[in-house]
Amino acid sequence: MSALVRIGVVGSVVTALCCAGVLTPLLVAGLAAAGLGALTQRLDLVLLPVLWVFLLTTAAGW
């Protein structure tokens, strides 16, 4: 398995868990600590494009 596929799969799984609400508290705390707390109001607008990028990365490496 190439590195591109591994990165895409791991990123997709983590992003999907954040979208499902499993890792959302950690994401909110991390964004607030990084000074990006304004992004927490609409996480779906951030997470869904990131999920697509990781899925496309997986497809490109396949």
Protein backbone atom coordinates (compact mmCIF):
# COMPACT_ATOMS: atom_id res chain seq x y z
CA MET A 1 0.00 0.00 0.00
CA SER A 2 1.43 3.36 -0.98
CA ALA A 3 1.95 6.24 1.42
CA LEU A 4 -0.68 8.28 -0.42
CA VAL A 5 -3.33 5.63 0.22
CA ARG A 6 -2.36 5.35 3.90
CA ILE A 7 -2.55 9.10 4.39
CA GLY A 8 -5.90 9.25 2.61
CA VAL A 9 -7.42 6.38 4.56
CA VAL A 10 -6.25 7.59 7.98
CA GLY A 11 -7.32 11.15 7.21
CA SER A 12 -10.71 9.99 5.95
CA VAL A 13 -11.36 7.90 9.05
CA VAL A 14 -10.35 10.67 11.46
CA THR A 15 -12.40 13.26 9.57
CA ALA A 16 -15.42 10.94 9.42
CA LEU A 17 -15.18 10.40 13.18
CA CYS A 18 -15.11 14.17 13.68
CA CYS A 19 -18.15 14.55 11.41
CA ALA A 20 -19.97 11.86 13.39
CA GLY A 21 -19.35 13.72 16.64
CA VAL A 22 -17.00 11.19 18.21
CA LEU A 23 -13.91 13.41 18.13
CA THR A 24 -15.67 16.77 17.97
CA PRO A 25 -14.84 17.83 21.57
CA LEU A 26 -11.14 17.23 20.90
CA LEU A 27 -11.38 19.14 17.64
CA VAL A 28 -13.07 22.11 19.30
CA ALA A 29 -10.46 22.20 22.06
CA GLY A 30 -7.63 21.95 19.54
CA LEU A 31 -9.01 24.73 17.35
CA ALA A 32 -9.55 26.96 20.38
CA ALA A 33 -6.01 26.33 21.58
CA ALA A 34 -4.66 27.20 18.13
CA GLY A 35 -6.60 30.47 18.09
CA LEU A 36 -9.06 29.25 15.47
CA GLY A 37 -12.12 29.11 17.71
CA ALA A 38 -14.24 30.96 15.15
CA LEU A 39 -14.21 27.86 12.96
CA THR A 40 -16.08 25.86 15.59
CA GLN A 41 -19.39 27.56 14.82
CA ARG A 42 -19.76 25.78 11.50
CA LEU A 43 -17.56 22.69 11.66
CA ASP A 44 -19.48 21.01 8.85
CA LEU A 45 -18.30 23.71 6.45
CA VAL A 46 -14.73 22.84 7.37
CA LEU A 47 -14.90 19.07 7.84
CA LEU A 48 -16.81 18.06 4.72
CA PRO A 49 -14.33 19.62 2.25
CA VAL A 50 -11.47 18.11 4.26
CA LEU A 51 -13.17 14.71 4.03
CA TRP A 52 -13.45 15.07 0.26
CA VAL A 53 -9.77 15.99 -0.01
CA PHE A 54 -8.75 12.87 1.92
CA LEU A 55 -11.10 10.67 -0.12
CA LEU A 56 -9.65 12.07 -3.35
CA THR A 57 -6.15 11.51 -1.97
CA THR A 58 -7.05 7.87 -1.36
CA ALA A 59 -8.45 7.54 -4.88
CA ALA A 60 -5.37 9.18 -6.42
CA GLY A 61 -3.06 6.78 -4.61
CA TRP A 62 -5.10 3.73 -5.50
